[in-house]
Amino acid sequence: MQALFPPDENFHLDIAALRGPDIRFFAAVDGETCLGTGALALRGGYGEVKSMFVAETARGRGVADAILRRIESEARALGLTSLKLETGAGLDAAQRLYTRHGFTRCGPFGSYPDAPSSVFLQKPL
């Protein structure tokens, strides 16, 4: 993400933040190889999808679908009413993934600015 977007429009979580009590972190693995990751950030009644990434060698194998289903399952189990996310303009494969899973465009939420490189999506649960 750091290579794709300017620093003031890069909203990824660092490793310390991913270890926080408000984060549920998931990884898809094959043996000892990490194929992809994703996180659910608990945000006062809704969940935010964070840190979705699939290794280039694992793309096209359904890894992102599986991680996103797991995040949604966890959000439902926690009684959250919706999922929201911010992704980058130009990350077309990511946007197609989220659209397939029922996400629709929305405006900025939480503390996000209305950055030109951001696309905001939501899904009621």
N, C-alpha and C. Protein backbone atom coordinates (compact mmCIF):
# COMPACT_ATOMS: atom_id res chain seq x y z
N MET A 1 0.82 -1.19 0.00
CA MET A 1 0.00 0.00 0.00
C MET A 1 0.86 1.26 0.00
N GLN A 2 1.98 1.18 0.70
CA GLN A 2 2.85 2.36 0.76
C GLN A 2 3.40 2.73 -0.61
N ALA A 3 3.58 1.74 -1.47
CA ALA A 3 4.09 2.01 -2.82
C ALA A 3 3.00 2.53 -3.75
N LEU A 4 1.74 2.30 -3.41
CA LEU A 4 0.64 2.66 -4.29
C LEU A 4 0.00 4.01 -4.00
N PHE A 5 0.04 4.45 -2.74
CA PHE A 5 -0.69 5.66 -2.35
C PHE A 5 0.19 6.60 -1.54
N PRO A 6 -0.08 7.90 -1.64
CA PRO A 6 0.70 8.86 -0.87
C PRO A 6 0.52 8.62 0.64
N PRO A 7 1.51 8.99 1.44
CA PRO A 7 1.43 8.74 2.89
C PRO A 7 0.17 9.28 3.55
N ASP A 8 -0.31 10.46 3.15
CA ASP A 8 -1.49 11.03 3.79
C ASP A 8 -2.79 10.39 3.30
N GLU A 9 -2.70 9.46 2.35
CA GLU A 9 -3.88 8.74 1.86
C GLU A 9 -3.69 7.23 1.99
N ASN A 10 -2.83 6.83 2.92
CA ASN A 10 -2.54 5.42 3.15
C ASN A 10 -3.04 5.07 4.55
N PHE A 11 -4.10 4.25 4.61
CA PHE A 11 -4.80 4.02 5.87
C PHE A 11 -4.66 2.59 6.40
N HIS A 12 -3.57 1.93 6.07
CA HIS A 12 -3.36 0.57 6.57
C HIS A 12 -3.05 0.59 8.06
N LEU A 13 -3.26 -0.54 8.72
CA LEU A 13 -2.91 -0.67 10.13
C LEU A 13 -1.52 -1.27 10.23
N ASP A 14 -0.71 -0.74 11.15
CA ASP A 14 0.60 -1.34 11.35
C ASP A 14 0.46 -2.58 12.24
N ILE A 15 1.55 -3.29 12.43
CA ILE A 15 1.50 -4.56 13.17
C ILE A 15 1.03 -4.35 14.60
N ALA A 16 1.47 -3.29 15.24
CA ALA A 16 1.03 -3.03 16.62
C ALA A 16 -0.49 -2.84 16.68
N ALA A 17 -1.05 -2.10 15.74
CA ALA A 17 -2.49 -1.88 15.72
C ALA A 17 -3.25 -3.18 15.44
N LEU A 18 -2.69 -4.04 14.60
CA LEU A 18 -3.34 -5.31 14.29
C LEU A 18 -3.37 -6.26 15.49
N ARG A 19 -2.56 -5.96 16.49
CA ARG A 19 -2.55 -6.76 17.73
C ARG A 19 -3.49 -6.21 18.79
N GLY A 20 -4.22 -5.14 18.49
CA GLY A 20 -5.08 -4.49 19.46
C GLY A 20 -6.27 -5.32 19.86
N PRO A 21 -6.87 -5.02 21.01
CA PRO A 21 -8.02 -5.79 21.50
C PRO A 21 -9.27 -5.61 20.65
N ASP A 22 -9.29 -4.58 19.79
CA ASP A 22 -10.45 -4.32 18.94
C ASP A 22 -10.30 -4.94 17.55
N ILE A 23 -9.31 -5.80 17.38
CA ILE A 23 -9.03 -6.41 16.08
C ILE A 23 -9.16 -7.92 16.16
N ARG A 24 -9.80 -8.48 15.15
CA ARG A 24 -9.81 -9.93 14.96
C ARG A 24 -9.06 -10.17 13.65
N PHE A 25 -7.94 -10.88 13.73
CA PHE A 25 -7.06 -11.05 12.58
C PHE A 25 -7.16 -12.48 12.08
N PHE A 26 -7.23 -12.65 10.75
CA PHE A 26 -7.38 -13.96 10.14
C PHE A 26 -6.32 -14.15 9.06
N ALA A 27 -5.86 -15.38 8.93
CA ALA A 27 -4.88 -15.71 7.90
C ALA A 27 -5.28 -17.02 7.25
N ALA A 28 -5.11 -17.08 5.95
CA ALA A 28 -5.30 -18.32 5.20
C ALA A 28 -3.91 -18.90 4.97
N VAL A 29 -3.74 -20.14 5.36
CA VAL A 29 -2.42 -20.76 5.24
C VAL A 29 -2.52 -22.09 4.50
N ASP A 30 -1.43 -22.44 3.88
CA ASP A 30 -1.26 -23.75 3.24
C ASP A 30 0.03 -24.30 3.81
N GLY A 31 -0.11 -25.21 4.77
CA GLY A 31 1.08 -25.68 5.48
C GLY A 31 1.65 -24.53 6.29
N GLU A 32 2.88 -24.18 6.01
CA GLU A 32 3.52 -23.06 6.70
C GLU A 32 3.53 -21.78 5.86
N THR A 33 2.86 -21.80 4.71
CA THR A 33 2.84 -20.64 3.82
C THR A 33 1.58 -19.83 4.04
N CYS A 34 1.75 -18.54 4.32
CA CYS A 34 0.61 -17.64 4.46
C CYS A 34 0.17 -17.21 3.06
N LEU A 35 -1.10 -17.51 2.73
CA LEU A 35 -1.64 -17.17 1.42
C LEU A 35 -2.32 -15.82 1.41
N GLY A 36 -2.87 -15.42 2.56
CA GLY A 36 -3.58 -14.15 2.61
C GLY A 36 -3.97 -13.81 4.03
N THR A 37 -4.34 -12.54 4.22
CA THR A 37 -4.74 -12.06 5.53
C THR A 37 -5.93 -11.12 5.41
N GLY A 38 -6.58 -10.93 6.51
CA GLY A 38 -7.67 -9.97 6.61
C GLY A 38 -7.99 -9.75 8.07
N ALA A 39 -8.55 -8.61 8.38
CA ALA A 39 -8.87 -8.30 9.77
C ALA A 39 -10.24 -7.65 9.86
N LEU A 40 -10.85 -7.82 11.01
CA LEU A 40 -12.10 -7.17 11.37
C LEU A 40 -11.78 -6.23 12.52
N ALA A 41 -11.99 -4.94 12.30
CA ALA A 41 -11.82 -3.95 13.35
C ALA A 41 -13.20 -3.64 13.94
N LEU A 42 -13.31 -3.73 15.25
CA LEU A 42 -14.58 -3.48 15.92
C LEU A 42 -14.71 -1.98 16.14
N ARG A 43 -15.76 -1.39 15.58
CA ARG A 43 -15.89 0.06 15.55
C ARG A 43 -17.27 0.52 16.02
N GLY A 44 -17.59 0.34 17.27
CA GLY A 44 -18.82 0.90 17.82
C GLY A 44 -20.09 0.57 17.06
N GLY A 45 -20.45 -0.69 16.96
CA GLY A 45 -21.69 -1.10 16.31
C GLY A 45 -21.52 -1.63 14.91
N TYR A 46 -20.42 -1.31 14.27
CA TYR A 46 -20.15 -1.87 12.95
C TYR A 46 -18.74 -2.42 12.92
N GLY A 47 -18.46 -3.22 11.92
CA GLY A 47 -17.12 -3.76 11.75
C GLY A 47 -16.48 -3.16 10.52
N GLU A 48 -15.18 -2.98 10.60
CA GLU A 48 -14.45 -2.47 9.45
C GLU A 48 -13.50 -3.56 8.94
N VAL A 49 -13.58 -3.84 7.66
CA VAL A 49 -12.67 -4.79 7.02
C VAL A 49 -11.33 -4.08 6.81
N LYS A 50 -10.27 -4.68 7.33
CA LYS A 50 -8.93 -4.09 7.24
C LYS A 50 -7.94 -5.16 6.79
N SER A 51 -6.85 -4.72 6.25
CA SER A 51 -5.67 -5.55 5.97
C SER A 51 -5.95 -6.77 5.11
N MET A 52 -6.85 -6.62 4.14
CA MET A 52 -7.08 -7.71 3.19
C MET A 52 -5.91 -7.73 2.20
N PHE A 53 -5.27 -8.87 2.12
CA PHE A 53 -4.16 -9.03 1.19
C PHE A 53 -4.02 -10.50 0.85
N VAL A 54 -3.79 -10.79 -0.42
CA VAL A 54 -3.54 -12.16 -0.87
C VAL A 54 -2.21 -12.16 -1.62
N ALA A 55 -1.37 -13.13 -1.28
CA ALA A 55 -0.08 -13.25 -1.96
C ALA A 55 -0.31 -13.42 -3.45
N GLU A 56 0.55 -12.82 -4.22
CA GLU A 56 0.40 -12.87 -5.68
C GLU A 56 0.31 -14.30 -6.20
N THR A 57 1.07 -15.20 -5.61
CA THR A 57 1.07 -16.61 -6.05
C THR A 57 -0.22 -17.34 -5.69
N ALA A 58 -1.03 -16.77 -4.80
CA ALA A 58 -2.28 -17.42 -4.37
C ALA A 58 -3.52 -16.80 -4.99
N ARG A 59 -3.35 -15.77 -5.78
CA ARG A 59 -4.50 -15.08 -6.34
C ARG A 59 -5.23 -15.98 -7.35
N GLY A 60 -6.56 -15.85 -7.36
CA GLY A 60 -7.37 -16.66 -8.25
C GLY A 60 -7.74 -18.01 -7.66
N ARG A 61 -7.39 -18.26 -6.40
CA ARG A 61 -7.67 -19.55 -5.75
C ARG A 61 -8.79 -19.47 -4.72
N GLY A 62 -9.46 -18.32 -4.63
CA GLY A 62 -10.57 -18.18 -3.69
C GLY A 62 -10.16 -17.79 -2.28
N VAL A 63 -8.90 -17.43 -2.09
CA VAL A 63 -8.40 -17.08 -0.77
C VAL A 63 -9.10 -15.84 -0.23
N ALA A 64 -9.19 -14.79 -1.03
CA ALA A 64 -9.84 -13.55 -0.58
C ALA A 64 -11.31 -13.79 -0.25
N ASP A 65 -11.99 -14.58 -1.06
CA ASP A 65 -13.40 -14.92 -0.77
C ASP A 65 -13.51 -15.60 0.58
N ALA A 66 -12.64 -16.57 0.85
CA ALA A 66 -12.70 -17.30 2.11
C ALA A 66 -12.42 -16.40 3.30
N ILE A 67 -11.43 -15.53 3.19
CA ILE A 67 -11.12 -14.61 4.29
C ILE A 67 -12.28 -13.65 4.53
N LEU A 68 -12.84 -13.10 3.47
CA LEU A 68 -13.95 -12.16 3.62
C LEU A 68 -15.17 -12.85 4.22
N ARG A 69 -15.45 -14.08 3.83
CA ARG A 69 -16.56 -14.84 4.44
C ARG A 69 -16.31 -15.04 5.93
N ARG A 70 -15.07 -15.32 6.29
CA ARG A 70 -14.72 -15.53 7.71
C ARG A 70 -14.90 -14.24 8.51
N ILE A 71 -14.49 -13.11 7.93
CA ILE A 71 -14.67 -11.82 8.58
C ILE A 71 -16.15 -11.54 8.79
N GLU A 72 -16.95 -11.77 7.76
CA GLU A 72 -18.39 -11.54 7.87
C GLU A 72 -19.01 -12.46 8.92
N SER A 73 -18.60 -13.70 8.94
CA SER A 73 -19.12 -14.65 9.93
C SER A 73 -18.81 -14.18 11.35
N GLU A 74 -17.61 -13.72 11.57
CA GLU A 74 -17.22 -13.21 12.89
C GLU A 74 -18.04 -11.97 13.24
N ALA A 75 -18.23 -11.07 12.30
CA ALA A 75 -19.02 -9.86 12.55
C ALA A 75 -20.45 -10.21 12.94
N ARG A 76 -21.04 -11.17 12.24
CA ARG A 76 -22.40 -11.60 12.56
C ARG A 76 -22.45 -12.22 13.95
N ALA A 77 -21.48 -13.06 14.27
CA ALA A 77 -21.43 -13.71 15.59
C ALA A 77 -21.30 -12.68 16.71
N LEU A 78 -20.66 -11.56 16.44
CA LEU A 78 -20.49 -10.50 17.42
C LEU A 78 -21.69 -9.54 17.46
N GLY A 79 -22.69 -9.77 16.60
CA GLY A 79 -23.89 -8.95 16.58
C GLY A 79 -23.72 -7.59 15.93
N LEU A 80 -22.71 -7.45 15.08
CA LEU A 80 -22.51 -6.17 14.40
C LEU A 80 -23.59 -5.98 13.33
N THR A 81 -23.96 -4.73 13.09
CA THR A 81 -25.06 -4.45 12.17
C THR A 81 -24.62 -4.23 10.73
N SER A 82 -23.33 -3.94 10.52
CA SER A 82 -22.84 -3.73 9.17
C SER A 82 -21.33 -3.88 9.12
N LEU A 83 -20.84 -4.03 7.90
CA LEU A 83 -19.41 -3.99 7.62
C LEU A 83 -19.15 -2.78 6.73
N LYS A 84 -18.02 -2.13 6.95
CA LYS A 84 -17.61 -1.00 6.12
C LYS A 84 -16.14 -1.20 5.79
N LEU A 85 -15.70 -0.53 4.74
CA LEU A 85 -14.29 -0.60 4.39
C LEU A 85 -13.88 0.57 3.52
N GLU A 86 -12.60 0.82 3.53
CA GLU A 86 -11.98 1.79 2.63
C GLU A 86 -10.98 1.02 1.81
N THR A 87 -11.04 1.19 0.50
CA THR A 87 -10.06 0.59 -0.39
C THR A 87 -9.57 1.66 -1.35
N GLY A 88 -8.57 1.33 -2.11
CA GLY A 88 -7.98 2.32 -2.99
C GLY A 88 -8.61 2.37 -4.37
N ALA A 89 -8.75 3.58 -4.87
CA ALA A 89 -9.16 3.76 -6.26
C ALA A 89 -8.09 3.09 -7.12
N GLY A 90 -8.52 2.35 -8.11
CA GLY A 90 -7.58 1.64 -8.96
C GLY A 90 -7.33 0.20 -8.53
N LEU A 91 -7.76 -0.16 -7.32
CA LEU A 91 -7.64 -1.56 -6.89
C LEU A 91 -8.90 -2.30 -7.36
N ASP A 92 -8.95 -2.49 -8.67
CA ASP A 92 -10.17 -3.01 -9.31
C ASP A 92 -10.53 -4.41 -8.85
N ALA A 93 -9.56 -5.29 -8.69
CA ALA A 93 -9.86 -6.66 -8.25
C ALA A 93 -10.47 -6.64 -6.85
N ALA A 94 -9.96 -5.80 -5.98
CA ALA A 94 -10.51 -5.69 -4.63
C ALA A 94 -11.95 -5.18 -4.69
N GLN A 95 -12.18 -4.18 -5.50
CA GLN A 95 -13.54 -3.64 -5.60
C GLN A 95 -14.51 -4.68 -6.17
N ARG A 96 -14.06 -5.48 -7.12
CA ARG A 96 -14.92 -6.55 -7.66
C ARG A 96 -15.22 -7.58 -6.58
N LEU A 97 -14.24 -7.93 -5.77
CA LEU A 97 -14.43 -8.88 -4.67
C LEU A 97 -15.52 -8.36 -3.73
N TYR A 98 -15.38 -7.14 -3.29
CA TYR A 98 -16.34 -6.60 -2.33
C TYR A 98 -17.74 -6.48 -2.94
N THR A 99 -17.83 -6.10 -4.20
CA THR A 99 -19.12 -6.02 -4.86
C THR A 99 -19.78 -7.40 -4.94
N ARG A 100 -19.00 -8.42 -5.28
CA ARG A 100 -19.53 -9.80 -5.31
C ARG A 100 -20.11 -10.22 -3.97
N HIS A 101 -19.55 -9.68 -2.90
CA HIS A 101 -19.99 -10.05 -1.55
C HIS A 101 -21.07 -9.11 -1.01
N GLY A 102 -21.62 -8.26 -1.87
CA GLY A 102 -22.76 -7.44 -1.48
C GLY A 102 -22.45 -6.06 -0.95
N PHE A 103 -21.22 -5.62 -1.06
CA PHE A 103 -20.87 -4.27 -0.63
C PHE A 103 -21.30 -3.26 -1.69
N THR A 104 -21.72 -2.10 -1.22
CA THR A 104 -22.08 -0.99 -2.11
C THR A 104 -21.36 0.27 -1.65
N ARG A 105 -21.22 1.19 -2.58
CA ARG A 105 -20.51 2.45 -2.27
C ARG A 105 -21.25 3.26 -1.21
N CYS A 106 -20.45 3.95 -0.42
CA CYS A 106 -20.97 4.88 0.58
C CYS A 106 -19.97 6.02 0.71
N GLY A 107 -20.26 6.95 1.57
CA GLY A 107 -19.33 8.05 1.81
C GLY A 107 -18.32 7.69 2.88
N PRO A 108 -17.40 8.61 3.14
CA PRO A 108 -16.41 8.39 4.19
C PRO A 108 -17.09 8.12 5.54
N PHE A 109 -16.44 7.36 6.38
CA PHE A 109 -16.98 7.03 7.70
C PHE A 109 -15.84 7.10 8.71
N GLY A 110 -16.20 7.04 9.98
CA GLY A 110 -15.19 7.10 11.03
C GLY A 110 -14.35 8.36 10.89
N SER A 111 -13.05 8.20 10.99
CA SER A 111 -12.16 9.36 10.91
C SER A 111 -11.51 9.52 9.54
N TYR A 112 -12.00 8.78 8.54
CA TYR A 112 -11.43 8.89 7.20
C TYR A 112 -11.74 10.24 6.56
N PRO A 113 -10.73 10.84 5.94
CA PRO A 113 -11.03 12.03 5.13
C PRO A 113 -11.60 11.59 3.79
N ASP A 114 -12.17 12.51 3.08
CA ASP A 114 -12.69 12.22 1.74
C ASP A 114 -11.52 12.31 0.75
N ALA A 115 -10.61 11.34 0.85
CA ALA A 115 -9.39 11.35 0.04
C ALA A 115 -9.69 10.94 -1.40
N PRO A 116 -9.04 11.57 -2.38
CA PRO A 116 -9.30 11.24 -3.78
C PRO A 116 -8.93 9.80 -4.15
N SER A 117 -8.03 9.19 -3.41
CA SER A 117 -7.62 7.82 -3.74
C SER A 117 -8.46 6.77 -3.01
N SER A 118 -9.46 7.18 -2.24
CA SER A 118 -10.25 6.25 -1.45
C SER A 118 -11.59 5.92 -2.11
N VAL A 119 -12.00 4.67 -1.94
CA VAL A 119 -13.34 4.21 -2.29
C VAL A 119 -13.90 3.60 -1.01
N PHE A 120 -15.09 4.05 -0.60
CA PHE A 120 -15.73 3.58 0.63
C PHE A 120 -16.90 2.68 0.27
N LEU A 121 -16.99 1.56 0.98
CA LEU A 121 -18.04 0.57 0.72
C LEU A 121 -18.64 0.11 2.04
N GLN A 122 -19.89 -0.37 1.97
CA GLN A 122 -20.57 -0.89 3.16
C GLN A 122 -21.49 -2.03 2.78
N LYS A 123 -21.83 -2.80 3.81
CA LYS A 123 -22.75 -3.93 3.63
C LYS A 123 -23.53 -4.11 4.94
N PRO A 124 -24.87 -4.05 4.87
CA PRO A 124 -25.65 -4.35 6.08
C PRO A 124 -25.57 -5.85 6.38
N LEU A 125 -25.62 -6.18 7.64
CA LEU A 125 -25.60 -7.60 8.05
C LEU A 125 -26.95 -8.00 8.61
